[in-house]
């Protein structure tokens, strides 16, 4: 069960990620996007997923990954992600509730470049009862 003091905590990303044209091209190819001049809107998940998994796997957070399923995903872009961007990812456990024994939490991941927000994504995760 998620430790209640985890809700509202922001976990700062330790290592910036440099976006390459190869990263953008590979992601675009995988989703059938032909325009590789900028990253597709959902590209940010490539960076934020690793950060989210790292924080949610920490023993002090208390999630049982063996019962976790993905419930929903949402993206908000402030500007396109382009090759050469150096992005930092911070993740916040925004909300948590228990419904019918299932734990439902939302994690927001913010990608910033030079201190300016570039993109945010929200992942709703369900830990089945």
C-alpha atoms as a PDB file:
ATOM      1  CA  UNK A   1       0.000   0.000   0.000  1.00  0.00           C
ATOM      2  CA  UNK A   2       1.237   3.477  -0.862  1.00  0.00           C
ATOM      3  CA  UNK A   3       2.707   5.307   2.106  1.00  0.00           C
ATOM      4  CA  UNK A   4       0.424   8.303   2.768  1.00  0.00           C
ATOM      5  CA  UNK A   5       3.341  10.724   3.166  1.00  0.00           C
ATOM      6  CA  UNK A   6       4.294  10.042  -0.474  1.00  0.00           C
ATOM      7  CA  UNK A   7       1.287  11.987  -1.763  1.00  0.00           C
ATOM      8  CA  UNK A   8       2.301  15.499  -2.729  1.00  0.00           C
ATOM      9  CA  UNK A   9       6.002  14.697  -2.783  1.00  0.00           C
ATOM     10  CA  UNK A  10       8.065  15.814  -5.745  1.00  0.00           C
ATOM     11  CA  UNK A  11      11.022  13.695  -6.704  1.00  0.00           C
ATOM     12  CA  UNK A  12      13.727  15.605  -8.546  1.00  0.00           C
ATOM     13  CA  UNK A  13      15.319  13.954 -11.545  1.00  0.00           C
ATOM     14  CA  UNK A  14      19.018  13.396 -11.048  1.00  0.00           C
ATOM     15  CA  UNK A  15      20.259  13.106 -14.608  1.00  0.00           C
ATOM     16  CA  UNK A  16      19.334  15.396 -17.497  1.00  0.00           C
ATOM     17  CA  UNK A  17      18.509  13.693 -20.790  1.00  0.00           C
ATOM     18  CA  UNK A  18      19.714  15.021 -24.130  1.00  0.00           C
ATOM     19  CA  UNK A  19      17.211  14.406 -26.924  1.00  0.00           C
ATOM     20  CA  UNK A  20      18.792  13.248 -30.170  1.00  0.00           C
ATOM     21  CA  UNK A  21      17.406  13.236 -33.690  1.00  0.00           C
ATOM     22  CA  UNK A  22      17.815   9.458 -33.617  1.00  0.00           C
ATOM     23  CA  UNK A  23      15.576   9.285 -30.522  1.00  0.00           C
ATOM     24  CA  UNK A  24      12.894  11.344 -32.244  1.00  0.00           C
ATOM     25  CA  UNK A  25      13.139   9.385 -35.506  1.00  0.00           C
ATOM     26  CA  UNK A  26      12.935   5.993 -33.775  1.00  0.00           C
ATOM     27  CA  UNK A  27       9.899   7.034 -31.724  1.00  0.00           C
ATOM     28  CA  UNK A  28       8.184   8.537 -34.785  1.00  0.00           C
ATOM     29  CA  UNK A  29       8.792   5.352 -36.766  1.00  0.00           C
ATOM     30  CA  UNK A  30       7.325   3.224 -33.958  1.00  0.00           C
ATOM     31  CA  UNK A  31       4.061   5.180 -33.964  1.00  0.00           C
ATOM     32  CA  UNK A  32       3.847   5.742 -37.732  1.00  0.00           C
ATOM     33  CA  UNK A  33       4.627   9.470 -37.672  1.00  0.00           C
ATOM     34  CA  UNK A  34       6.411  10.753 -40.773  1.00  0.00           C
ATOM     35  CA  UNK A  35       7.318  14.256 -39.570  1.00  0.00           C
ATOM     36  CA  UNK A  36      10.511  14.024 -37.528  1.00  0.00           C
ATOM     37  CA  UNK A  37      11.305  17.743 -37.412  1.00  0.00           C
ATOM     38  CA  UNK A  38       9.993  17.772 -33.847  1.00  0.00           C
ATOM     39  CA  UNK A  39       9.206  14.981 -31.410  1.00  0.00           C
ATOM     40  CA  UNK A  40       5.652  13.619 -31.498  1.00  0.00           C
ATOM     41  CA  UNK A  41       3.546  14.904 -28.564  1.00  0.00           C
ATOM     42  CA  UNK A  42       3.735  11.591 -26.702  1.00  0.00           C
ATOM     43  CA  UNK A  43       7.547  11.364 -26.974  1.00  0.00           C
ATOM     44  CA  UNK A  44       7.954  12.792 -23.475  1.00  0.00           C
ATOM     45  CA  UNK A  45       6.899   9.418 -22.032  1.00  0.00           C
ATOM     46  CA  UNK A  46      10.300   8.037 -23.126  1.00  0.00           C
ATOM     47  CA  UNK A  47      11.914  10.302 -20.555  1.00  0.00           C
ATOM     48  CA  UNK A  48       9.274  10.549 -17.844  1.00  0.00           C
ATOM     49  CA  UNK A  49       8.538   6.823 -17.646  1.00  0.00           C
ATOM     50  CA  UNK A  50      12.004   5.978 -16.363  1.00  0.00           C
ATOM     51  CA  UNK A  51      11.751   8.701 -13.707  1.00  0.00           C
ATOM     52  CA  UNK A  52       8.284   7.600 -12.608  1.00  0.00           C
ATOM     53  CA  UNK A  53       9.308   3.965 -12.372  1.00  0.00           C
ATOM     54  CA  UNK A  54      12.351   4.848 -10.311  1.00  0.00           C
ATOM     55  CA  UNK A  55      10.404   6.818  -7.709  1.00  0.00           C
ATOM     56  CA  UNK A  56       7.444   4.467  -7.544  1.00  0.00           C
ATOM     57  CA  UNK A  57       9.740   1.471  -7.093  1.00  0.00           C
ATOM     58  CA  UNK A  58      11.443   3.015  -4.066  1.00  0.00           C
ATOM     59  CA  UNK A  59      10.687   0.966  -0.944  1.00  0.00           C
ATOM     60  CA  UNK A  60       9.685   4.076   1.028  1.00  0.00           C
ATOM     61  CA  UNK A  61       6.865   4.761  -1.474  1.00  0.00           C
ATOM     62  CA  UNK A  62       5.382   1.316  -0.888  1.00  0.00           C
ATOM     63  CA  UNK A  63       3.724   0.335  -4.181  1.00  0.00           C
ATOM     64  CA  UNK A  64       3.277  -3.302  -5.153  1.00  0.00           C
ATOM     65  CA  UNK A  65       4.408  -3.396  -8.794  1.00  0.00           C
ATOM     66  CA  UNK A  66       3.230  -6.977  -9.225  1.00  0.00           C
ATOM     67  CA  UNK A  67      -0.394  -5.740  -9.188  1.00  0.00           C
ATOM     68  CA  UNK A  68       0.029  -2.408 -11.006  1.00  0.00           C
ATOM     69  CA  UNK A  69      -1.752  -1.625 -14.272  1.00  0.00           C
ATOM     70  CA  UNK A  70      -1.821   1.549 -16.337  1.00  0.00           C
ATOM     71  CA  UNK A  71      -5.148   3.356 -16.185  1.00  0.00           C
ATOM     72  CA  UNK A  72      -4.780   6.587 -18.167  1.00  0.00           C
ATOM     73  CA  UNK A  73      -2.227   8.940 -19.704  1.00  0.00           C
ATOM     74  CA  UNK A  74      -2.460  12.644 -20.553  1.00  0.00           C
ATOM     75  CA  UNK A  75       0.055  15.073 -22.074  1.00  0.00           C
ATOM     76  CA  UNK A  76       0.374  18.854 -22.124  1.00  0.00           C
ATOM     77  CA  UNK A  77       3.035  20.509 -24.270  1.00  0.00           C
ATOM     78  CA  UNK A  78       4.261  24.062 -23.747  1.00  0.00           C
ATOM     79  CA  UNK A  79       6.442  23.808 -26.855  1.00  0.00           C
ATOM     80  CA  UNK A  80       7.631  21.028 -29.153  1.00  0.00           C
ATOM     81  CA  UNK A  81      10.537  18.872 -28.027  1.00  0.00           C
ATOM     82  CA  UNK A  82      13.389  19.067 -30.525  1.00  0.00           C
ATOM     83  CA  UNK A  83      16.748  17.397 -31.051  1.00  0.00           C
ATOM     84  CA  UNK A  84      19.344  18.975 -28.814  1.00  0.00           C
ATOM     85  CA  UNK A  85      16.972  19.680 -25.933  1.00  0.00           C
ATOM     86  CA  UNK A  86      18.484  18.838 -22.566  1.00  0.00           C
ATOM     87  CA  UNK A  87      15.568  17.925 -20.324  1.00  0.00           C
ATOM     88  CA  UNK A  88      15.259  17.441 -16.588  1.00  0.00           C
ATOM     89  CA  UNK A  89      12.339  15.410 -15.305  1.00  0.00           C
ATOM     90  CA  UNK A  90      10.729  15.930 -11.912  1.00  0.00           C
ATOM     91  CA  UNK A  91       7.808  13.731 -10.856  1.00  0.00           C
ATOM     92  CA  UNK A  92       5.120  14.401  -8.279  1.00  0.00           C
ATOM     93  CA  UNK A  93       2.644  11.953  -6.765  1.00  0.00           C
ATOM     94  CA  UNK A  94      -0.380  14.229  -7.144  1.00  0.00           C
ATOM     95  CA  UNK A  95      -3.253  12.160  -5.849  1.00  0.00           C
ATOM     96  CA  UNK A  96      -4.147   8.868  -4.230  1.00  0.00           C
ATOM     97  CA  UNK A  97      -7.395   7.141  -3.348  1.00  0.00           C
ATOM     98  CA  UNK A  98      -8.678   3.666  -2.636  1.00  0.00           C
ATOM     99  CA  UNK A  99     -11.809   2.488  -4.448  1.00  0.00           C
ATOM    100  CA  UNK A 100     -13.190  -1.023  -3.885  1.00  0.00           C
ATOM    101  CA  UNK A 101      -9.802  -2.034  -2.486  1.00  0.00           C
ATOM    102  CA  UNK A 102      -7.925  -0.775  -5.567  1.00  0.00           C
ATOM    103  CA  UNK A 103      -5.294   1.912  -5.056  1.00  0.00           C
ATOM    104  CA  UNK A 104      -5.500   4.649  -7.691  1.00  0.00           C
ATOM    105  CA  UNK A 105      -2.746   7.223  -7.961  1.00  0.00           C
ATOM    106  CA  UNK A 106      -1.804   9.967 -10.363  1.00  0.00           C
ATOM    107  CA  UNK A 107       1.796  10.914 -11.064  1.00  0.00           C
ATOM    108  CA  UNK A 108       2.651  14.155 -12.867  1.00  0.00           C
ATOM    109  CA  UNK A 109       6.008  14.347 -14.602  1.00  0.00           C
ATOM    110  CA  UNK A 110       7.348  17.736 -15.678  1.00  0.00           C
ATOM    111  CA  UNK A 111      10.080  18.080 -18.295  1.00  0.00           C
ATOM    112  CA  UNK A 112      12.020  21.324 -18.207  1.00  0.00           C
ATOM    113  CA  UNK A 113      14.818  22.790 -20.279  1.00  0.00           C
ATOM    114  CA  UNK A 114      16.979  25.548 -18.800  1.00  0.00           C
ATOM    115  CA  UNK A 115      14.463  25.951 -15.994  1.00  0.00           C
ATOM    116  CA  UNK A 116      11.465  26.409 -18.317  1.00  0.00           C
ATOM    117  CA  UNK A 117       8.627  23.898 -18.466  1.00  0.00           C
ATOM    118  CA  UNK A 118       8.470  22.118 -21.823  1.00  0.00           C
ATOM    119  CA  UNK A 119       5.945  19.323 -21.212  1.00  0.00           C
ATOM    120  CA  UNK A 120       3.918  17.672 -18.480  1.00  0.00           C
ATOM    121  CA  UNK A 121       2.353  14.241 -18.441  1.00  0.00           C
ATOM    122  CA  UNK A 122      -0.061  12.631 -16.031  1.00  0.00           C
ATOM    123  CA  UNK A 123      -0.146   8.866 -15.495  1.00  0.00           C
ATOM    124  CA  UNK A 124      -3.007   7.290 -13.629  1.00  0.00           C
ATOM    125  CA  UNK A 125      -1.983   3.948 -12.185  1.00  0.00           C
ATOM    126  CA  UNK A 126      -4.101   1.285 -10.535  1.00  0.00           C
ATOM    127  CA  UNK A 127      -2.807  -1.227  -8.010  1.00  0.00           C
ATOM    128  CA  UNK A 128      -5.386  -3.993  -8.102  1.00  0.00           C
ATOM    129  CA  UNK A 129      -6.816  -5.355  -4.905  1.00  0.00           C
END
